[in-house]
Amino acid sequence: MTVVQFWNEMYQDLTAPVAFSSGAPSPEVVDVAGRLPAGSRAIDIGCGDGRHALYLAEQGFVVDAIDISPVGIAKTQQFAVERGLAINASVQDIRRYTFTTNYHLIVSLGTLHLVEREYWQPFLQAIQAHTCPGGYNVVGIMTDAAPAPDDQRDYFIGLLKEGELFTYYAGWEIISQRSINFHDEHPGGIRHHHAGDVLLARKVQ
């Protein structure tokens, strides 16, 4: 099964959000949403079925959202229409994605460990380059502090060392950084244990 097929299966029920992806927005996204005015431009990279994209649109952000899963994007668009929100959501593979504008906020949570390091490292540089001065990045990635679950081992191909993410933001103002351990539950009652690092950083003007 390819990573696209894996996520399509996760999002296949178009009537309901996936519990682990569409619960409450992360504390970092809530924090930064209160720091930027309505009308600020944001992009949610690896949006899944829209947890953070929908929240930001509700806060008055102009939101782009991308994901490799056509089903995830379809759900994001459907949920946006149901809530009367405007989100520019499209199917994209971050290994070939090219930014066409700069953003006040770039969110990438739970995505970059799913691509090879040769791709995510230049992509992380692109995220930073396309953040407006004074803008923010919220980045979260799985780390090797917990082994990849057996049924996801083939997809977790870009795991970082614990704390490694933070070293890529030298020169930025670090608002918060944390290393976490958590469980999630996939459709069918499948539970996984993960470790990850999450960063909220501001680009110094």
C-alpha atoms as a PDB file:
ATOM      1  CA  MET A   1       0.000   0.000   0.000  1.00  0.00           C
ATOM      2  CA  THR A   2       1.312   3.452  -0.873  1.00  0.00           C
ATOM      3  CA  VAL A   3       1.207   6.368   1.561  1.00  0.00           C
ATOM      4  CA  VAL A   4      -1.570   7.917  -0.570  1.00  0.00           C
ATOM      5  CA  GLN A   5      -3.674   4.760  -0.279  1.00  0.00           C
ATOM      6  CA  PHE A   6      -3.009   4.624   3.478  1.00  0.00           C
ATOM      7  CA  TRP A   7      -4.337   8.151   4.044  1.00  0.00           C
ATOM      8  CA  ASN A   8      -7.211   7.720   1.611  1.00  0.00           C
ATOM      9  CA  GLU A   9      -8.361   4.798   3.730  1.00  0.00           C
ATOM     10  CA  MET A  10      -8.094   6.897   6.901  1.00  0.00           C
ATOM     11  CA  TYR A  11     -10.294   9.615   5.395  1.00  0.00           C
ATOM     12  CA  GLN A  12     -12.713   7.415   3.421  1.00  0.00           C
ATOM     13  CA  ASP A  13     -15.767   8.188   5.581  1.00  0.00           C
ATOM     14  CA  LEU A  14     -16.760  11.539   4.068  1.00  0.00           C
ATOM     15  CA  THR A  15     -19.449  12.107   6.697  1.00  0.00           C
ATOM     16  CA  ALA A  16     -17.201  12.357   9.754  1.00  0.00           C
ATOM     17  CA  PRO A  17     -13.757  13.743  10.626  1.00  0.00           C
ATOM     18  CA  VAL A  18     -10.990  11.324  11.619  1.00  0.00           C
ATOM     19  CA  ALA A  19     -10.696  11.541  15.393  1.00  0.00           C
ATOM     20  CA  PHE A  20      -6.913  11.893  15.633  1.00  0.00           C
ATOM     21  CA  SER A  21      -6.656  14.432  12.811  1.00  0.00           C
ATOM     22  CA  SER A  22      -9.730  16.577  13.348  1.00  0.00           C
ATOM     23  CA  GLY A  23      -9.957  17.050  17.070  1.00  0.00           C
ATOM     24  CA  ALA A  24      -9.143  20.342  18.767  1.00  0.00           C
ATOM     25  CA  PRO A  25      -6.411  22.387  17.056  1.00  0.00           C
ATOM     26  CA  SER A  26      -2.925  22.165  18.520  1.00  0.00           C
ATOM     27  CA  PRO A  27      -2.049  24.624  21.307  1.00  0.00           C
ATOM     28  CA  GLU A  28       0.606  26.174  19.072  1.00  0.00           C
ATOM     29  CA  VAL A  29      -1.905  26.962  16.310  1.00  0.00           C
ATOM     30  CA  VAL A  30      -4.340  28.448  18.834  1.00  0.00           C
ATOM     31  CA  ASP A  31      -1.511  30.526  20.305  1.00  0.00           C
ATOM     32  CA  VAL A  32      -0.318  31.958  17.002  1.00  0.00           C
ATOM     33  CA  ALA A  33      -3.864  32.605  15.769  1.00  0.00           C
ATOM     34  CA  GLY A  34      -4.165  35.073  18.628  1.00  0.00           C
ATOM     35  CA  ARG A  35      -0.958  36.833  17.589  1.00  0.00           C
ATOM     36  CA  LEU A  36      -1.934  37.644  13.998  1.00  0.00           C
ATOM     37  CA  PRO A  37      -4.776  39.839  12.741  1.00  0.00           C
ATOM     38  CA  ALA A  38      -7.714  38.622  10.682  1.00  0.00           C
ATOM     39  CA  GLY A  39      -6.852  38.614   7.011  1.00  0.00           C
ATOM     40  CA  SER A  40      -3.385  37.165   7.606  1.00  0.00           C
ATOM     41  CA  ARG A  41      -2.387  34.553   5.049  1.00  0.00           C
ATOM     42  CA  ALA A  42      -1.785  30.962   6.234  1.00  0.00           C
ATOM     43  CA  ILE A  43      -1.041  27.596   4.667  1.00  0.00           C
ATOM     44  CA  ASP A  44      -1.653  24.210   6.281  1.00  0.00           C
ATOM     45  CA  ILE A  45       0.792  21.675   4.819  1.00  0.00           C
ATOM     46  CA  GLY A  46      -0.448  18.109   5.175  1.00  0.00           C
ATOM     47  CA  CYS A  47      -3.892  19.348   6.175  1.00  0.00           C
ATOM     48  CA  GLY A  48      -5.502  15.903   6.354  1.00  0.00           C
ATOM     49  CA  ASP A  49      -9.237  16.430   6.630  1.00  0.00           C
ATOM     50  CA  GLY A  50      -8.880  20.037   7.691  1.00  0.00           C
ATOM     51  CA  ARG A  51      -8.456  20.349  11.459  1.00  0.00           C
ATOM     52  CA  HIS A  52      -6.142  23.373  11.394  1.00  0.00           C
ATOM     53  CA  ALA A  53      -7.195  24.830   8.039  1.00  0.00           C
ATOM     54  CA  LEU A  54     -10.816  25.007   9.188  1.00  0.00           C
ATOM     55  CA  TYR A  55      -9.894  26.522  12.547  1.00  0.00           C
ATOM     56  CA  LEU A  56      -7.745  29.216  10.950  1.00  0.00           C
ATOM     57  CA  ALA A  57     -10.446  30.069   8.414  1.00  0.00           C
ATOM     58  CA  GLU A  58     -12.902  30.442  11.297  1.00  0.00           C
ATOM     59  CA  GLN A  59     -10.476  32.934  12.881  1.00  0.00           C
ATOM     60  CA  GLY A  60     -10.527  35.058   9.737  1.00  0.00           C
ATOM     61  CA  PHE A  61      -7.312  33.883   8.083  1.00  0.00           C
ATOM     62  CA  VAL A  62      -6.967  33.566   4.319  1.00  0.00           C
ATOM     63  CA  VAL A  63      -6.151  29.864   4.130  1.00  0.00           C
ATOM     64  CA  ASP A  64      -4.450  27.595   1.625  1.00  0.00           C
ATOM     65  CA  ALA A  65      -4.321  23.882   2.440  1.00  0.00           C
ATOM     66  CA  ILE A  66      -2.468  21.038   0.752  1.00  0.00           C
ATOM     67  CA  ASP A  67      -2.330  17.286   1.249  1.00  0.00           C
ATOM     68  CA  ILE A  68      -1.224  14.248  -0.731  1.00  0.00           C
ATOM     69  CA  SER A  69      -4.590  12.535  -0.149  1.00  0.00           C
ATOM     70  CA  PRO A  70      -7.391  13.408  -2.593  1.00  0.00           C
ATOM     71  CA  VAL A  71      -9.897  12.055  -0.078  1.00  0.00           C
ATOM     72  CA  GLY A  72      -8.493  14.261   2.689  1.00  0.00           C
ATOM     73  CA  ILE A  73      -8.729  17.311   0.443  1.00  0.00           C
ATOM     74  CA  ALA A  74     -12.297  16.396  -0.554  1.00  0.00           C
ATOM     75  CA  LYS A  75     -13.252  16.229   3.123  1.00  0.00           C
ATOM     76  CA  THR A  76     -11.553  19.538   3.891  1.00  0.00           C
ATOM     77  CA  GLN A  77     -13.493  21.180   1.051  1.00  0.00           C
ATOM     78  CA  GLN A  78     -16.741  19.532   2.137  1.00  0.00           C
ATOM     79  CA  PHE A  79     -16.357  20.604   5.773  1.00  0.00           C
ATOM     80  CA  ALA A  80     -15.475  24.140   4.651  1.00  0.00           C
ATOM     81  CA  VAL A  81     -18.645  24.394   2.556  1.00  0.00           C
ATOM     82  CA  GLU A  82     -20.741  23.041   5.433  1.00  0.00           C
ATOM     83  CA  ARG A  83     -19.324  25.742   7.736  1.00  0.00           C
ATOM     84  CA  GLY A  84     -19.548  28.530   5.187  1.00  0.00           C
ATOM     85  CA  LEU A  85     -15.767  28.934   5.034  1.00  0.00           C
ATOM     86  CA  ALA A  86     -13.490  29.699   2.095  1.00  0.00           C
ATOM     87  CA  ILE A  87     -10.369  27.501   1.922  1.00  0.00           C
ATOM     88  CA  ASN A  88      -8.170  27.031  -1.128  1.00  0.00           C
ATOM     89  CA  ALA A  89      -7.459  23.296  -0.756  1.00  0.00           C
ATOM     90  CA  SER A  90      -5.543  21.262  -3.318  1.00  0.00           C
ATOM     91  CA  VAL A  91      -3.861  17.889  -3.733  1.00  0.00           C
ATOM     92  CA  GLN A  92      -0.098  18.319  -3.619  1.00  0.00           C
ATOM     93  CA  ASP A  93       2.981  16.184  -2.961  1.00  0.00           C
ATOM     94  CA  ILE A  94       5.394  18.253  -0.870  1.00  0.00           C
ATOM     95  CA  ARG A  95       8.322  16.561  -2.589  1.00  0.00           C
ATOM     96  CA  ARG A  96       7.350  18.495  -5.719  1.00  0.00           C
ATOM     97  CA  TYR A  97       5.522  21.475  -4.256  1.00  0.00           C
ATOM     98  CA  THR A  98       6.653  25.000  -5.147  1.00  0.00           C
ATOM     99  CA  PHE A  99       5.595  28.012  -3.119  1.00  0.00           C
ATOM    100  CA  THR A 100       4.093  30.853  -5.161  1.00  0.00           C
ATOM    101  CA  THR A 101       3.541  33.348  -2.333  1.00  0.00           C
ATOM    102  CA  ASN A 102       4.687  34.232   1.167  1.00  0.00           C
ATOM    103  CA  TYR A 103       2.672  33.558   4.321  1.00  0.00           C
ATOM    104  CA  HIS A 104       2.235  35.082   7.756  1.00  0.00           C
ATOM    105  CA  LEU A 105       1.767  31.559   9.139  1.00  0.00           C
ATOM    106  CA  ILE A 106       2.935  28.185   7.863  1.00  0.00           C
ATOM    107  CA  VAL A 107       1.677  25.075   9.649  1.00  0.00           C
ATOM    108  CA  SER A 108       3.192  21.650   9.062  1.00  0.00           C
ATOM    109  CA  LEU A 109       2.156  19.145  11.710  1.00  0.00           C
ATOM    110  CA  GLY A 110       2.698  15.399  11.412  1.00  0.00           C
ATOM    111  CA  THR A 111       3.803  15.433   7.789  1.00  0.00           C
ATOM    112  CA  LEU A 112       7.524  15.790   7.126  1.00  0.00           C
ATOM    113  CA  HIS A 113       8.533  12.444   8.662  1.00  0.00           C
ATOM    114  CA  LEU A 114       6.527  10.803   5.858  1.00  0.00           C
ATOM    115  CA  VAL A 115       9.019  11.917   3.187  1.00  0.00           C
ATOM    116  CA  GLU A 116      12.683  11.104   2.762  1.00  0.00           C
ATOM    117  CA  ARG A 117      15.161  13.416   4.459  1.00  0.00           C
ATOM    118  CA  GLU A 118      16.529  14.461   1.076  1.00  0.00           C
ATOM    119  CA  TYR A 119      13.150  16.095   0.432  1.00  0.00           C
ATOM    120  CA  TRP A 120      12.095  17.453   3.807  1.00  0.00           C
ATOM    121  CA  GLN A 121      15.315  19.317   4.502  1.00  0.00           C
ATOM    122  CA  PRO A 122      15.056  21.635   1.436  1.00  0.00           C
ATOM    123  CA  PHE A 123      11.304  21.850   2.005  1.00  0.00           C
ATOM    124  CA  LEU A 124      11.922  23.092   5.542  1.00  0.00           C
ATOM    125  CA  GLN A 125      14.242  25.720   4.080  1.00  0.00           C
ATOM    126  CA  ALA A 126      11.485  26.699   1.629  1.00  0.00           C
ATOM    127  CA  ILE A 127       8.988  27.039   4.491  1.00  0.00           C
ATOM    128  CA  GLN A 128      11.295  29.462   6.224  1.00  0.00           C
ATOM    129  CA  ALA A 129      12.096  31.411   3.062  1.00  0.00           C
ATOM    130  CA  HIS A 130       8.405  31.892   2.282  1.00  0.00           C
ATOM    131  CA  THR A 131       7.462  33.119   5.748  1.00  0.00           C
ATOM    132  CA  CYS A 132       6.892  36.873   5.877  1.00  0.00           C
ATOM    133  CA  PRO A 133       9.195  38.839   8.208  1.00  0.00           C
ATOM    134  CA  GLY A 134       7.568  38.698  11.628  1.00  0.00           C
ATOM    135  CA  GLY A 135       5.551  35.650  10.567  1.00  0.00           C
ATOM    136  CA  TYR A 136       5.347  32.273  12.266  1.00  0.00           C
ATOM    137  CA  ASN A 137       6.033  28.595  11.659  1.00  0.00           C
ATOM    138  CA  VAL A 138       4.283  25.805  13.561  1.00  0.00           C
ATOM    139  CA  VAL A 139       6.117  22.584  12.754  1.00  0.00           C
ATOM    140  CA  GLY A 140       5.673  19.158  14.304  1.00  0.00           C
ATOM    141  CA  ILE A 141       7.377  15.956  13.257  1.00  0.00           C
ATOM    142  CA  MET A 142       7.642  12.420  14.605  1.00  0.00           C
ATOM    143  CA  THR A 143      10.968  11.475  16.157  1.00  0.00           C
ATOM    144  CA  ASP A 144      12.818   8.244  16.802  1.00  0.00           C
ATOM    145  CA  ALA A 145      12.272   8.582  20.563  1.00  0.00           C
ATOM    146  CA  ALA A 146       9.530   5.997  19.927  1.00  0.00           C
ATOM    147  CA  PRO A 147       9.846   3.283  17.266  1.00  0.00           C
ATOM    148  CA  ALA A 148       7.598   3.501  14.234  1.00  0.00           C
ATOM    149  CA  PRO A 149       4.533   1.246  14.636  1.00  0.00           C
ATOM    150  CA  ASP A 150       4.853  -2.002  12.715  1.00  0.00           C
ATOM    151  CA  ASP A 151       1.933  -1.186  10.404  1.00  0.00           C
ATOM    152  CA  GLN A 152       3.372   2.279   9.618  1.00  0.00           C
ATOM    153  CA  ARG A 153       7.074   1.462   9.444  1.00  0.00           C
ATOM    154  CA  ASP A 154       7.155   1.686   5.643  1.00  0.00           C
ATOM    155  CA  TYR A 155       5.754   5.243   5.783  1.00  0.00           C
ATOM    156  CA  PHE A 156       7.867   6.737   8.590  1.00  0.00           C
ATOM    157  CA  ILE A 157      10.901   7.224   6.363  1.00  0.00           C
ATOM    158  CA  GLY A 158      12.059  10.646   7.551  1.00  0.00           C
ATOM    159  CA  LEU A 159      12.102  10.390  11.359  1.00  0.00           C
ATOM    160  CA  LEU A 160      14.245  12.991  13.117  1.00  0.00           C
ATOM    161  CA  LYS A 161      16.312  12.582  16.230  1.00  0.00           C
ATOM    162  CA  GLU A 162      14.580  14.017  19.284  1.00  0.00           C
ATOM    163  CA  GLY A 163      15.391  17.735  19.417  1.00  0.00           C
ATOM    164  CA  GLU A 164      16.829  17.839  15.894  1.00  0.00           C
ATOM    165  CA  LEU A 165      13.987  19.972  14.530  1.00  0.00           C
ATOM    166  CA  PHE A 166      14.830  22.791  16.901  1.00  0.00           C
ATOM    167  CA  THR A 167      18.368  23.112  15.509  1.00  0.00           C
ATOM    168  CA  TYR A 168      16.977  24.226  12.125  1.00  0.00           C
ATOM    169  CA  TYR A 169      15.529  27.423  13.578  1.00  0.00           C
ATOM    170  CA  ALA A 170      18.672  29.223  14.670  1.00  0.00           C
ATOM    171  CA  GLY A 171      18.105  32.954  14.277  1.00  0.00           C
ATOM    172  CA  TRP A 172      14.346  32.686  14.786  1.00  0.00           C
ATOM    173  CA  GLU A 173      12.546  33.709  17.962  1.00  0.00           C
ATOM    174  CA  ILE A 174      11.477  30.466  19.629  1.00  0.00           C
ATOM    175  CA  ILE A 175       8.051  30.987  21.171  1.00  0.00           C
ATOM    176  CA  SER A 176       7.702  27.394  22.371  1.00  0.00           C
ATOM    177  CA  GLN A 177       9.221  24.002  21.772  1.00  0.00           C
ATOM    178  CA  ARG A 178       8.295  20.664  23.245  1.00  0.00           C
ATOM    179  CA  SER A 179       9.083  16.986  22.897  1.00  0.00           C
ATOM    180  CA  ILE A 180       6.026  14.809  23.364  1.00  0.00           C
ATOM    181  CA  ASN A 181       4.881  11.208  23.649  1.00  0.00           C
ATOM    182  CA  PHE A 182       1.297  10.431  22.723  1.00  0.00           C
ATOM    183  CA  HIS A 183      -1.167   7.808  21.504  1.00  0.00           C
ATOM    184  CA  ASP A 184      -3.591   8.115  18.636  1.00  0.00           C
ATOM    185  CA  GLU A 185      -6.421   5.897  17.464  1.00  0.00           C
ATOM    186  CA  HIS A 186      -7.152   5.095  13.841  1.00  0.00           C
ATOM    187  CA  PRO A 187     -10.432   3.820  12.395  1.00  0.00           C
ATOM    188  CA  GLY A 188     -11.022   0.242  13.492  1.00  0.00           C
ATOM    189  CA  GLY A 189      -9.693   0.885  17.003  1.00  0.00           C
ATOM    190  CA  ILE A 190      -6.017   0.665  15.995  1.00  0.00           C
ATOM    191  CA  ARG A 191      -3.890   2.543  18.542  1.00  0.00           C
ATOM    192  CA  HIS A 192      -0.322   3.754  18.091  1.00  0.00           C
ATOM    193  CA  HIS A 193       2.326   5.228  20.368  1.00  0.00           C
ATOM    194  CA  HIS A 194       4.379   8.079  18.886  1.00  0.00           C
ATOM    195  CA  ALA A 195       7.039  10.546  19.908  1.00  0.00           C
ATOM    196  CA  GLY A 196       7.424  13.951  18.321  1.00  0.00           C
ATOM    197  CA  ASP A 197       8.811  17.457  18.513  1.00  0.00           C
ATOM    198  CA  VAL A 198       6.620  20.533  18.076  1.00  0.00           C
ATOM    199  CA  LEU A 199       7.927  24.053  17.498  1.00  0.00           C
ATOM    200  CA  LEU A 200       6.363  27.507  17.340  1.00  0.00           C
ATOM    201  CA  ALA A 201       8.842  30.065  16.048  1.00  0.00           C
ATOM    202  CA  ARG A 202       8.714  33.647  14.768  1.00  0.00           C
ATOM    203  CA  LYS A 203      10.839  34.915  11.877  1.00  0.00           C
ATOM    204  CA  VAL A 204      12.830  37.861  13.151  1.00  0.00           C
ATOM    205  CA  GLN A 205      12.238  40.974  11.060  1.00  0.00           C
END
